[in-house]
Structures are given as structure tokens and as C-alpha cells.
Amino acid sequence: MAIMEINFNPNRIPLPELAGSTVARQGSSPAAPDSVSFSPAASLGASLQDIPLVRPEKVAQAKALDSVTSYPPADLLDRIATLLAVHMKK
């Protein structure tokens, strides 16, 4: 079975039949605008600034779970311990 190998090299020498030909440029590129509007990016940045770093409802939920002595449940801890033990043997 033959294996086909493809080597990509963008800097390779052009094909001989194309080496002598030249390409003429047509006109100049369009001029860049004097100013660019970044208003969508600015409004997104402002929206991100308005997002609070702390979510009070999640803090309250974490405090409630912290006060419960049976959280996480013992069977969940047993399953996690078993899972860890199985993976440590590998």
C-alpha cells in the first residue's frame, strides 16, 4: 500500500511555466477611513462593567449549605472516594 505524503510550504519556488510571468497591479487599494467606530465594543465594555462581581443569591445559598452538617451527603462522599480509589489503582 502506497502512502501519499503532502508537504505544504508556502515559500516554495513557483512552477517553471509561471516563473517568467508577471502580474500587473490594478489601481490602488481603497483608502483607510479617517476614523473607526468602536461603539459596539464600547457598549459591550460598559455592559461588562455593570455586571456585579458577587451574586448575593449564590452567597446566601453557599452559606445555607455551609450551615448544614449533612452536606454533602455521606453516600455522595463514599461514591467519590470509591471513584478516586478506582482511578488510583490504574
PDB file of N, CA and C in Angstrom:
ATOM      1  N   MET A   1       0.848  -1.186   0.000  1.00  0.00           N
ATOM      2  CA  MET A   1       0.000   0.000   0.000  1.00  0.00           C
ATOM      3  C   MET A   1       0.887   1.241   0.000  1.00  0.00           C
ATOM      4  N   ALA A   2       0.686   2.101  -0.953  1.00  0.00           N
ATOM      5  CA  ALA A   2       1.481   3.322  -1.068  1.00  0.00           C
ATOM      6  C   ALA A   2       0.888   4.398  -0.173  1.00  0.00           C
ATOM      7  N   ILE A   3       1.767   5.158   0.460  1.00  0.00           N
ATOM      8  CA  ILE A   3       1.343   6.251   1.331  1.00  0.00           C
ATOM      9  C   ILE A   3       1.639   7.559   0.608  1.00  0.00           C
ATOM     10  N   MET A   4       0.640   8.404   0.534  1.00  0.00           N
ATOM     11  CA  MET A   4       0.803   9.700  -0.110  1.00  0.00           C
ATOM     12  C   MET A   4       1.177  10.726   0.942  1.00  0.00           C
ATOM     13  N   GLU A   5       2.255  11.429   0.698  1.00  0.00           N
ATOM     14  CA  GLU A   5       2.705  12.437   1.642  1.00  0.00           C
ATOM     15  C   GLU A   5       2.562  13.809   1.004  1.00  0.00           C
ATOM     16  N   ILE A   6       1.958  14.730   1.721  1.00  0.00           N
ATOM     17  CA  ILE A   6       1.755  16.084   1.212  1.00  0.00           C
ATOM     18  C   ILE A   6       2.528  17.030   2.113  1.00  0.00           C
ATOM     19  N   ASN A   7       3.438  17.788   1.517  1.00  0.00           N
ATOM     20  CA  ASN A   7       4.213  18.776   2.258  1.00  0.00           C
ATOM     21  C   ASN A   7       3.767  20.160   1.823  1.00  0.00           C
ATOM     22  N   PHE A   8       3.253  20.925   2.754  1.00  0.00           N
ATOM     23  CA  PHE A   8       2.803  22.277   2.462  1.00  0.00           C
ATOM     24  C   PHE A   8       3.913  23.250   2.810  1.00  0.00           C
ATOM     25  N   ASN A   9       4.343  24.011   1.831  1.00  0.00           N
ATOM     26  CA  ASN A   9       5.379  25.003   2.052  1.00  0.00           C
ATOM     27  C   ASN A   9       5.010  26.246   1.251  1.00  0.00           C
ATOM     28  N   PRO A  10       4.511  27.292   1.901  1.00  0.00           N
ATOM     29  CA  PRO A  10       4.092  28.483   1.163  1.00  0.00           C
ATOM     30  C   PRO A  10       5.262  29.238   0.540  1.00  0.00           C
ATOM     31  N   ASN A  11       6.482  28.936   0.920  1.00  0.00           N
ATOM     32  CA  ASN A  11       7.653  29.649   0.391  1.00  0.00           C
ATOM     33  C   ASN A  11       8.344  28.879  -0.735  1.00  0.00           C
ATOM     34  N   ARG A  12       7.692  27.882  -1.285  1.00  0.00           N
ATOM     35  CA  ARG A  12       8.341  27.073  -2.315  1.00  0.00           C
ATOM     36  C   ARG A  12       8.539  27.873  -3.594  1.00  0.00           C
ATOM     37  N   ILE A  13       9.413  27.390  -4.427  1.00  0.00           N
ATOM     38  CA  ILE A  13       9.722  28.048  -5.698  1.00  0.00           C
ATOM     39  C   ILE A  13       8.541  27.855  -6.635  1.00  0.00           C
ATOM     40  N   PRO A  14       8.132  28.910  -7.373  1.00  0.00           N
ATOM     41  CA  PRO A  14       6.978  28.764  -8.272  1.00  0.00           C
ATOM     42  C   PRO A  14       7.281  27.789  -9.401  1.00  0.00           C
ATOM     43  N   LEU A  15       6.231  27.279 -10.011  1.00  0.00           N
ATOM     44  CA  LEU A  15       6.370  26.361 -11.131  1.00  0.00           C
ATOM     45  C   LEU A  15       7.096  27.044 -12.279  1.00  0.00           C
ATOM     46  N   PRO A  16       7.934  26.294 -13.053  1.00  0.00           N
ATOM     47  CA  PRO A  16       8.716  26.928 -14.132  1.00  0.00           C
ATOM     48  C   PRO A  16       7.877  27.687 -15.139  1.00  0.00           C
ATOM     49  N   GLU A  17       6.693  27.189 -15.509  1.00  0.00           N
ATOM     50  CA  GLU A  17       5.892  27.893 -16.511  1.00  0.00           C
ATOM     51  C   GLU A  17       5.330  29.210 -15.979  1.00  0.00           C
ATOM     52  N   LEU A  18       5.288  29.374 -14.667  1.00  0.00           N
ATOM     53  CA  LEU A  18       4.767  30.612 -14.082  1.00  0.00           C
ATOM     54  C   LEU A  18       5.881  31.550 -13.644  1.00  0.00           C
ATOM     55  N   ALA A  19       7.118  31.069 -13.674  1.00  0.00           N
ATOM     56  CA  ALA A  19       8.227  31.865 -13.149  1.00  0.00           C
ATOM     57  C   ALA A  19       8.477  33.126 -13.953  1.00  0.00           C
ATOM     58  N   GLY A  20       8.286  33.076 -15.254  1.00  0.00           N
ATOM     59  CA  GLY A  20       8.575  34.240 -16.077  1.00  0.00           C
ATOM     60  C   GLY A  20       7.431  35.226 -16.183  1.00  0.00           C
ATOM     61  N   SER A  21       6.239  34.830 -15.789  1.00  0.00           N
ATOM     62  CA  SER A  21       5.095  35.721 -15.938  1.00  0.00           C
ATOM     63  C   SER A  21       5.025  36.706 -14.783  1.00  0.00           C
ATOM     64  N   THR A  22       4.500  37.859 -15.077  1.00  0.00           N
ATOM     65  CA  THR A  22       4.326  38.880 -14.044  1.00  0.00           C
ATOM     66  C   THR A  22       2.859  39.255 -13.968  1.00  0.00           C
ATOM     67  N   VAL A  23       2.460  39.743 -12.845  1.00  0.00           N
ATOM     68  CA  VAL A  23       1.083  40.166 -12.637  1.00  0.00           C
ATOM     69  C   VAL A  23       1.092  41.664 -12.393  1.00  0.00           C
ATOM     70  N   ALA A  24       0.313  42.390 -13.163  1.00  0.00           N
ATOM     71  CA  ALA A  24       0.237  43.836 -13.011  1.00  0.00           C
ATOM     72  C   ALA A  24      -0.822  44.178 -11.975  1.00  0.00           C
ATOM     73  N   ARG A  25      -0.504  45.152 -11.159  1.00  0.00           N
ATOM     74  CA  ARG A  25      -1.473  45.624 -10.165  1.00  0.00           C
ATOM     75  C   ARG A  25      -2.471  46.538 -10.834  1.00  0.00           C
ATOM     76  N   GLN A  26      -3.691  46.430 -10.409  1.00  0.00           N
ATOM     77  CA  GLN A  26      -4.731  47.280 -10.986  1.00  0.00           C
ATOM     78  C   GLN A  26      -5.174  48.291  -9.952  1.00  0.00           C
ATOM     79  N   GLY A  27      -4.816  49.516 -10.143  1.00  0.00           N
ATOM     80  CA  GLY A  27      -5.246  50.580  -9.250  1.00  0.00           C
ATOM     81  C   GLY A  27      -4.602  50.446  -7.879  1.00  0.00           C
ATOM     82  N   SER A  28      -5.022  51.293  -7.003  1.00  0.00           N
ATOM     83  CA  SER A  28      -4.502  51.232  -5.644  1.00  0.00           C
ATOM     84  C   SER A  28      -5.592  50.720  -4.717  1.00  0.00           C
ATOM     85  N   SER A  29      -5.183  50.312  -3.549  1.00  0.00           N
ATOM     86  CA  SER A  29      -6.167  49.826  -2.586  1.00  0.00           C
ATOM     87  C   SER A  29      -6.990  50.995  -2.063  1.00  0.00           C
ATOM     88  N   PRO A  30      -8.201  50.725  -1.623  1.00  0.00           N
ATOM     89  CA  PRO A  30      -9.034  51.826  -1.121  1.00  0.00           C
ATOM     90  C   PRO A  30      -8.402  52.454   0.118  1.00  0.00           C
ATOM     91  N   ALA A  31      -8.589  53.748   0.237  1.00  0.00           N
ATOM     92  CA  ALA A  31      -8.020  54.472   1.369  1.00  0.00           C
ATOM     93  C   ALA A  31      -8.703  54.057   2.668  1.00  0.00           C
ATOM     94  N   ALA A  32      -7.912  54.017   3.711  1.00  0.00           N
ATOM     95  CA  ALA A  32      -8.455  53.679   5.026  1.00  0.00           C
ATOM     96  C   ALA A  32      -9.270  54.856   5.542  1.00  0.00           C
ATOM     97  N   PRO A  33     -10.363  54.575   6.255  1.00  0.00           N
ATOM     98  CA  PRO A  33     -11.162  55.686   6.788  1.00  0.00           C
ATOM     99  C   PRO A  33     -10.373  56.455   7.851  1.00  0.00           C
ATOM    100  N   ASP A  34     -10.706  57.743   7.990  1.00  0.00           N
ATOM    101  CA  ASP A  34     -10.002  58.582   8.956  1.00  0.00           C
ATOM    102  C   ASP A  34     -10.276  58.164  10.391  1.00  0.00           C
ATOM    103  N   SER A  35     -11.473  57.684  10.642  1.00  0.00           N
ATOM    104  CA  SER A  35     -11.799  57.247  11.998  1.00  0.00           C
ATOM    105  C   SER A  35     -12.601  55.953  11.924  1.00  0.00           C
ATOM    106  N   VAL A  36     -12.449  55.154  12.935  1.00  0.00           N
ATOM    107  CA  VAL A  36     -13.153  53.878  13.003  1.00  0.00           C
ATOM    108  C   VAL A  36     -14.060  53.919  14.226  1.00  0.00           C
ATOM    109  N   SER A  37     -15.273  53.446  14.049  1.00  0.00           N
ATOM    110  CA  SER A  37     -16.222  53.462  15.151  1.00  0.00           C
ATOM    111  C   SER A  37     -16.125  52.155  15.945  1.00  0.00           C
ATOM    112  N   PHE A  38     -15.855  52.283  17.211  1.00  0.00           N
ATOM    113  CA  PHE A  38     -15.817  51.144  18.106  1.00  0.00           C
ATOM    114  C   PHE A  38     -16.988  51.186  19.087  1.00  0.00           C
ATOM    115  N   SER A  39     -18.082  51.796  18.690  1.00  0.00           N
ATOM    116  CA  SER A  39     -19.202  51.962  19.611  1.00  0.00           C
ATOM    117  C   SER A  39     -19.792  50.632  20.081  1.00  0.00           C
ATOM    118  N   PRO A  40     -19.910  49.587  19.240  1.00  0.00           N
ATOM    119  CA  PRO A  40     -20.410  48.312  19.778  1.00  0.00           C
ATOM    120  C   PRO A  40     -19.475  47.736  20.841  1.00  0.00           C
ATOM    121  N   ALA A  41     -18.169  47.842  20.619  1.00  0.00           N
ATOM    122  CA  ALA A  41     -17.208  47.338  21.605  1.00  0.00           C
ATOM    123  C   ALA A  41     -17.272  48.166  22.882  1.00  0.00           C
ATOM    124  N   ALA A  42     -17.452  49.458  22.741  1.00  0.00           N
ATOM    125  CA  ALA A  42     -17.532  50.325  23.915  1.00  0.00           C
ATOM    126  C   ALA A  42     -18.782  50.015  24.733  1.00  0.00           C
ATOM    127  N   SER A  43     -19.908  49.773  24.047  1.00  0.00           N
ATOM    128  CA  SER A  43     -21.133  49.469  24.783  1.00  0.00           C
ATOM    129  C   SER A  43     -21.030  48.101  25.453  1.00  0.00           C
ATOM    130  N   LEU A  44     -20.344  47.156  24.803  1.00  0.00           N
ATOM    131  CA  LEU A  44     -20.129  45.856  25.434  1.00  0.00           C
ATOM    132  C   LEU A  44     -19.253  46.003  26.668  1.00  0.00           C
ATOM    133  N   GLY A  45     -18.212  46.805  26.566  1.00  0.00           N
ATOM    134  CA  GLY A  45     -17.341  47.054  27.717  1.00  0.00           C
ATOM    135  C   GLY A  45     -18.105  47.694  28.868  1.00  0.00           C
ATOM    136  N   ALA A  46     -18.985  48.628  28.542  1.00  0.00           N
ATOM    137  CA  ALA A  46     -19.792  49.269  29.586  1.00  0.00           C
ATOM    138  C   ALA A  46     -20.749  48.274  30.220  1.00  0.00           C
ATOM    139  N   SER A  47     -21.319  47.377  29.417  1.00  0.00           N
ATOM    140  CA  SER A  47     -22.220  46.357  29.956  1.00  0.00           C
ATOM    141  C   SER A  47     -21.475  45.410  30.884  1.00  0.00           C
ATOM    142  N   LEU A  48     -20.257  45.065  30.515  1.00  0.00           N
ATOM    143  CA  LEU A  48     -19.461  44.173  31.364  1.00  0.00           C
ATOM    144  C   LEU A  48     -19.096  44.844  32.684  1.00  0.00           C
ATOM    145  N   GLN A  49     -18.926  46.155  32.658  1.00  0.00           N
ATOM    146  CA  GLN A  49     -18.621  46.880  33.894  1.00  0.00           C
ATOM    147  C   GLN A  49     -19.808  46.879  34.855  1.00  0.00           C
ATOM    148  N   ASP A  50     -21.027  46.745  34.310  1.00  0.00           N
ATOM    149  CA  ASP A  50     -22.231  46.779  35.135  1.00  0.00           C
ATOM    150  C   ASP A  50     -22.523  45.443  35.821  1.00  0.00           C
ATOM    151  N   ILE A  51     -21.856  44.370  35.387  1.00  0.00           N
ATOM    152  CA  ILE A  51     -22.111  43.058  35.993  1.00  0.00           C
ATOM    153  C   ILE A  51     -21.453  43.006  37.369  1.00  0.00           C
ATOM    154  N   PRO A  52     -22.201  42.659  38.399  1.00  0.00           N
ATOM    155  CA  PRO A  52     -21.611  42.600  39.737  1.00  0.00           C
ATOM    156  C   PRO A  52     -20.643  41.421  39.857  1.00  0.00           C
ATOM    157  N   LEU A  53     -19.577  41.598  40.633  1.00  0.00           N
ATOM    158  CA  LEU A  53     -18.604  40.535  40.835  1.00  0.00           C
ATOM    159  C   LEU A  53     -19.130  39.471  41.797  1.00  0.00           C
ATOM    160  N   VAL A  54     -20.042  39.850  42.672  1.00  0.00           N
ATOM    161  CA  VAL A  54     -20.602  38.931  43.660  1.00  0.00           C
ATOM    162  C   VAL A  54     -22.095  38.805  43.417  1.00  0.00           C
ATOM    163  N   ARG A  55     -22.570  37.567  43.396  1.00  0.00           N
ATOM    164  CA  ARG A  55     -24.007  37.333  43.237  1.00  0.00           C
ATOM    165  C   ARG A  55     -24.575  36.995  44.614  1.00  0.00           C
ATOM    166  N   PRO A  56     -25.319  37.942  45.209  1.00  0.00           N
ATOM    167  CA  PRO A  56     -25.811  37.761  46.577  1.00  0.00           C
ATOM    168  C   PRO A  56     -26.617  36.480  46.770  1.00  0.00           C
ATOM    169  N   GLU A  57     -27.421  36.067  45.779  1.00  0.00           N
ATOM    170  CA  GLU A  57     -28.232  34.858  45.941  1.00  0.00           C
ATOM    171  C   GLU A  57     -27.358  33.613  46.036  1.00  0.00           C
ATOM    172  N   LYS A  58     -26.222  33.589  45.301  1.00  0.00           N
ATOM    173  CA  LYS A  58     -25.312  32.444  45.370  1.00  0.00           C
ATOM    174  C   LYS A  58     -24.546  32.432  46.686  1.00  0.00           C
ATOM    175  N   VAL A  59     -24.216  33.604  47.208  1.00  0.00           N
ATOM    176  CA  VAL A  59     -23.548  33.689  48.509  1.00  0.00           C
ATOM    177  C   VAL A  59     -24.485  33.168  49.594  1.00  0.00           C
ATOM    178  N   ALA A  60     -25.763  33.562  49.536  1.00  0.00           N
ATOM    179  CA  ALA A  60     -26.742  33.088  50.519  1.00  0.00           C
ATOM    180  C   ALA A  60     -26.919  31.576  50.411  1.00  0.00           C
ATOM    181  N   GLN A  61     -26.952  31.053  49.199  1.00  0.00           N
ATOM    182  CA  GLN A  61     -27.094  29.607  49.009  1.00  0.00           C
ATOM    183  C   GLN A  61     -25.880  28.865  49.576  1.00  0.00           C
ATOM    184  N   ALA A  62     -24.681  29.375  49.353  1.00  0.00           N
ATOM    185  CA  ALA A  62     -23.472  28.743  49.883  1.00  0.00           C
ATOM    186  C   ALA A  62     -23.446  28.781  51.404  1.00  0.00           C
ATOM    187  N   LYS A  63     -23.884  29.899  51.994  1.00  0.00           N
ATOM    188  CA  LYS A  63     -23.938  29.992  53.457  1.00  0.00           C
ATOM    189  C   LYS A  63     -24.942  29.009  54.025  1.00  0.00           C
ATOM    190  N   ALA A  64     -26.071  28.847  53.354  1.00  0.00           N
ATOM    191  CA  ALA A  64     -27.077  27.892  53.821  1.00  0.00           C
ATOM    192  C   ALA A  64     -26.540  26.468  53.762  1.00  0.00           C
ATOM    193  N   LEU A  65     -25.841  26.124  52.701  1.00  0.00           N
ATOM    194  CA  LEU A  65     -25.269  24.786  52.594  1.00  0.00           C
ATOM    195  C   LEU A  65     -24.138  24.573  53.591  1.00  0.00           C
ATOM    196  N   ASP A  66     -23.403  25.634  53.902  1.00  0.00           N
ATOM    197  CA  ASP A  66     -22.305  25.529  54.858  1.00  0.00           C
ATOM    198  C   ASP A  66     -22.814  25.222  56.264  1.00  0.00           C
ATOM    199  N   SER A  67     -23.992  25.734  56.575  1.00  0.00           N
ATOM    200  CA  SER A  67     -24.533  25.513  57.920  1.00  0.00           C
ATOM    201  C   SER A  67     -25.138  24.127  58.089  1.00  0.00           C
ATOM    202  N   VAL A  68     -25.404  23.419  57.002  1.00  0.00           N
ATOM    203  CA  VAL A  68     -25.974  22.071  57.068  1.00  0.00           C
ATOM    204  C   VAL A  68     -24.822  21.095  57.262  1.00  0.00           C
ATOM    205  N   THR A  69     -24.846  20.360  58.370  1.00  0.00           N
ATOM    206  CA  THR A  69     -23.739  19.445  58.669  1.00  0.00           C
ATOM    207  C   THR A  69     -23.783  18.181  57.821  1.00  0.00           C
ATOM    208  N   SER A  70     -24.920  17.873  57.225  1.00  0.00           N
ATOM    209  CA  SER A  70     -25.021  16.660  56.412  1.00  0.00           C
ATOM    210  C   SER A  70     -24.768  16.921  54.925  1.00  0.00           C
ATOM    211  N   TYR A  71     -24.196  18.074  54.613  1.00  0.00           N
ATOM    212  CA  TYR A  71     -23.913  18.371  53.214  1.00  0.00           C
ATOM    213  C   TYR A  71     -22.421  18.343  53.001  1.00  0.00           C
ATOM    214  N   PRO A  72     -21.883  17.678  52.060  1.00  0.00           N
ATOM    215  CA  PRO A  72     -22.535  16.775  51.123  1.00  0.00           C
ATOM    216  C   PRO A  72     -22.927  15.475  51.814  1.00  0.00           C
ATOM    217  N   PRO A  73     -23.924  14.778  51.294  1.00  0.00           N
ATOM    218  CA  PRO A  73     -24.389  13.549  51.914  1.00  0.00           C
ATOM    219  C   PRO A  73     -23.279  12.496  51.980  1.00  0.00           C
ATOM    220  N   ALA A  74     -23.344  11.650  52.986  1.00  0.00           N
ATOM    221  CA  ALA A  74     -22.321  10.630  53.202  1.00  0.00           C
ATOM    222  C   ALA A  74     -22.218   9.672  52.019  1.00  0.00           C
ATOM    223  N   ASP A  75     -23.357   9.301  51.411  1.00  0.00           N
ATOM    224  CA  ASP A  75     -23.290   8.377  50.268  1.00  0.00           C
ATOM    225  C   ASP A  75     -22.580   9.015  49.073  1.00  0.00           C
ATOM    226  N   LEU A  76     -22.718  10.315  48.900  1.00  0.00           N
ATOM    227  CA  LEU A  76     -22.012  11.002  47.833  1.00  0.00           C
ATOM    228  C   LEU A  76     -20.508  10.977  48.094  1.00  0.00           C
ATOM    229  N   LEU A  77     -20.106  11.228  49.328  1.00  0.00           N
ATOM    230  CA  LEU A  77     -18.688  11.171  49.677  1.00  0.00           C
ATOM    231  C   LEU A  77     -18.134   9.763  49.474  1.00  0.00           C
ATOM    232  N   ASP A  78     -18.926   8.729  49.817  1.00  0.00           N
ATOM    233  CA  ASP A  78     -18.491   7.342  49.610  1.00  0.00           C
ATOM    234  C   ASP A  78     -18.287   7.057  48.118  1.00  0.00           C
ATOM    235  N   ARG A  79     -19.206   7.521  47.291  1.00  0.00           N
ATOM    236  CA  ARG A  79     -19.080   7.289  45.846  1.00  0.00           C
ATOM    237  C   ARG A  79     -17.862   7.999  45.270  1.00  0.00           C
ATOM    238  N   ILE A  80     -17.604   9.212  45.735  1.00  0.00           N
ATOM    239  CA  ILE A  80     -16.425   9.948  45.268  1.00  0.00           C
ATOM    240  C   ILE A  80     -15.150   9.237  45.711  1.00  0.00           C
ATOM    241  N   ALA A  81     -15.135   8.759  46.966  1.00  0.00           N
ATOM    242  CA  ALA A  81     -13.963   8.039  47.470  1.00  0.00           C
ATOM    243  C   ALA A  81     -13.717   6.767  46.671  1.00  0.00           C
ATOM    244  N   THR A  82     -14.785   6.047  46.338  1.00  0.00           N
ATOM    245  CA  THR A  82     -14.650   4.823  45.538  1.00  0.00           C
ATOM    246  C   THR A  82     -14.119   5.151  44.152  1.00  0.00           C
ATOM    247  N   LEU A  83     -14.633   6.195  43.544  1.00  0.00           N
ATOM    248  CA  LEU A  83     -14.179   6.613  42.220  1.00  0.00           C
ATOM    249  C   LEU A  83     -12.697   6.978  42.245  1.00  0.00           C
ATOM    250  N   LEU A  84     -12.283   7.710  43.261  1.00  0.00           N
ATOM    251  CA  LEU A  84     -10.871   8.073  43.382  1.00  0.00           C
ATOM    252  C   LEU A  84      -9.995   6.846  43.575  1.00  0.00           C
ATOM    253  N   ALA A  85     -10.461   5.903  44.397  1.00  0.00           N
ATOM    254  CA  ALA A  85      -9.691   4.682  44.639  1.00  0.00           C
ATOM    255  C   ALA A  85      -9.534   3.857  43.369  1.00  0.00           C
ATOM    256  N   VAL A  86     -10.591   3.769  42.577  1.00  0.00           N
ATOM    257  CA  VAL A  86     -10.530   3.013  41.328  1.00  0.00           C
ATOM    258  C   VAL A  86      -9.512   3.641  40.385  1.00  0.00           C
ATOM    259  N   HIS A  87      -9.496   4.952  40.293  1.00  0.00           N
ATOM    260  CA  HIS A  87      -8.577   5.633  39.376  1.00  0.00           C
ATOM    261  C   HIS A  87      -7.154   5.635  39.895  1.00  0.00           C
ATOM    262  N   MET A  88      -6.951   5.541  41.206  1.00  0.00           N
ATOM    263  CA  MET A  88      -5.594   5.484  41.742  1.00  0.00           C
ATOM    264  C   MET A  88      -4.943   4.139  41.447  1.00  0.00           C
ATOM    265  N   LYS A  89      -5.737   3.058  41.312  1.00  0.00           N
ATOM    266  CA  LYS A  89      -5.218   1.727  41.023  1.00  0.00           C
ATOM    267  C   LYS A  89      -4.717   1.617  39.604  1.00  0.00           C
ATOM    268  N   LYS A  90      -5.192   2.463  38.703  1.00  0.00           N
ATOM    269  CA  LYS A  90      -4.822   2.379  37.280  1.00  0.00           C
ATOM    270  C   LYS A  90      -3.442   2.897  37.029  1.00  0.00           C
TER     271      LYS A  90
END
